[in-house]
C-alpha cells in the first residue's frame, strides 16, 4: 500500500487517475475499488492509501490499476 494523490475523478463515469511515485504515469481507479460506505467518490488533490497492480495490459491507457483505494482522513 502506498500514499497517492487523486489527479482527476469522473463521478459520472465512475473512474479516475491516482498519482504516486510507485505508479509512474498514473494509476487507473474505478469506484468499485473505493473502500467507503455509500457512493464511492474522490476529489482531485485528495490523499488516499492505494493498493495497485500492473495487469500486464493497458487499462484505459494506464499501466497500473487500483485494487483498493482508501480515502485518508482530511
Protein backbone atom coordinates (compact mmCIF):
# COMPACT_ATOMS: atom_id res chain seq x y z
CA UNK A 1 0.00 0.00 0.00
CA UNK A 2 1.26 3.46 -0.93
CA UNK A 3 0.03 7.02 -0.48
CA UNK A 4 -1.35 8.51 -3.69
CA UNK A 5 -2.98 11.77 -4.75
CA UNK A 6 -6.11 11.92 -6.86
CA UNK A 7 -5.20 13.62 -10.16
CA UNK A 8 -8.71 13.55 -11.61
CA UNK A 9 -12.04 11.89 -10.86
CA UNK A 10 -15.10 11.49 -13.09
CA UNK A 11 -18.19 10.79 -10.94
CA UNK A 12 -20.46 10.43 -13.95
CA UNK A 13 -18.23 7.68 -15.39
CA UNK A 14 -17.05 6.20 -12.07
CA UNK A 15 -13.30 6.31 -12.63
CA UNK A 16 -10.24 8.47 -12.19
CA UNK A 17 -6.45 8.65 -12.08
CA UNK A 18 -4.26 8.48 -8.99
CA UNK A 19 -0.59 9.51 -8.82
CA UNK A 20 2.20 8.04 -6.71
CA UNK A 21 5.96 7.58 -7.21
CA UNK A 22 5.36 3.82 -7.45
CA UNK A 23 2.88 4.19 -10.35
CA UNK A 24 4.63 6.48 -12.88
CA UNK A 25 2.22 7.85 -15.47
CA UNK A 26 -0.78 7.32 -13.19
CA UNK A 27 -2.94 4.53 -11.82
CA UNK A 28 -6.44 3.96 -13.18
CA UNK A 29 -9.06 3.63 -10.44
CA UNK A 30 -12.70 2.50 -10.53
CA UNK A 31 -15.35 3.48 -7.98
CA UNK A 32 -15.77 -0.18 -7.02
CA UNK A 33 -12.20 -0.16 -5.57
CA UNK A 34 -13.02 2.69 -3.14
CA UNK A 35 -13.43 1.33 0.37
CA UNK A 36 -16.09 3.51 1.98
CA UNK A 37 -19.76 3.34 2.88
CA UNK A 38 -22.23 4.68 0.35
CA UNK A 39 -21.43 6.10 -3.06
CA UNK A 40 -17.67 5.99 -3.64
CA UNK A 41 -16.29 9.24 -4.98
CA UNK A 42 -12.99 11.10 -4.79
CA UNK A 43 -11.83 14.69 -5.34
CA UNK A 44 -8.74 16.00 -7.15
CA UNK A 45 -5.93 16.64 -4.67
CA UNK A 46 -7.32 14.17 -2.13
CA UNK A 47 -4.83 11.77 -0.48
CA UNK A 48 -5.61 8.05 -0.48
CA UNK A 49 -3.99 4.79 0.52
CA UNK A 50 -3.61 2.82 -2.69
CA UNK A 51 -3.05 -0.84 -3.40
CA UNK A 52 -2.37 -1.37 -7.09
CA UNK A 53 -1.45 -3.99 -9.65
CA UNK A 54 0.29 -3.98 -13.03
CA UNK A 55 -2.06 -6.25 -15.01
CA UNK A 56 0.30 -6.60 -18.00
CA UNK A 57 -2.02 -4.72 -20.34
CA UNK A 58 -3.18 -1.12 -20.53
CA UNK A 59 -6.29 -0.28 -18.52
CA UNK A 60 -7.79 2.65 -20.43
CA UNK A 61 -4.26 3.78 -21.33
CA UNK A 62 -2.64 3.24 -17.90
CA UNK A 63 -0.06 0.61 -16.91
CA UNK A 64 -1.41 0.40 -13.35
CA UNK A 65 -4.85 -0.40 -11.94
CA UNK A 66 -6.13 0.22 -8.41
CA UNK A 67 -7.13 -2.83 -6.38
CA UNK A 68 -8.05 -0.90 -3.22
CA UNK A 69 -8.50 2.83 -2.62
CA UNK A 70 -8.88 4.01 0.98
CA UNK A 71 -9.51 7.75 1.42
CA UNK A 72 -7.31 9.29 4.12
CA UNK A 73 -8.98 11.44 6.77
CA UNK A 74 -8.85 15.13 5.90
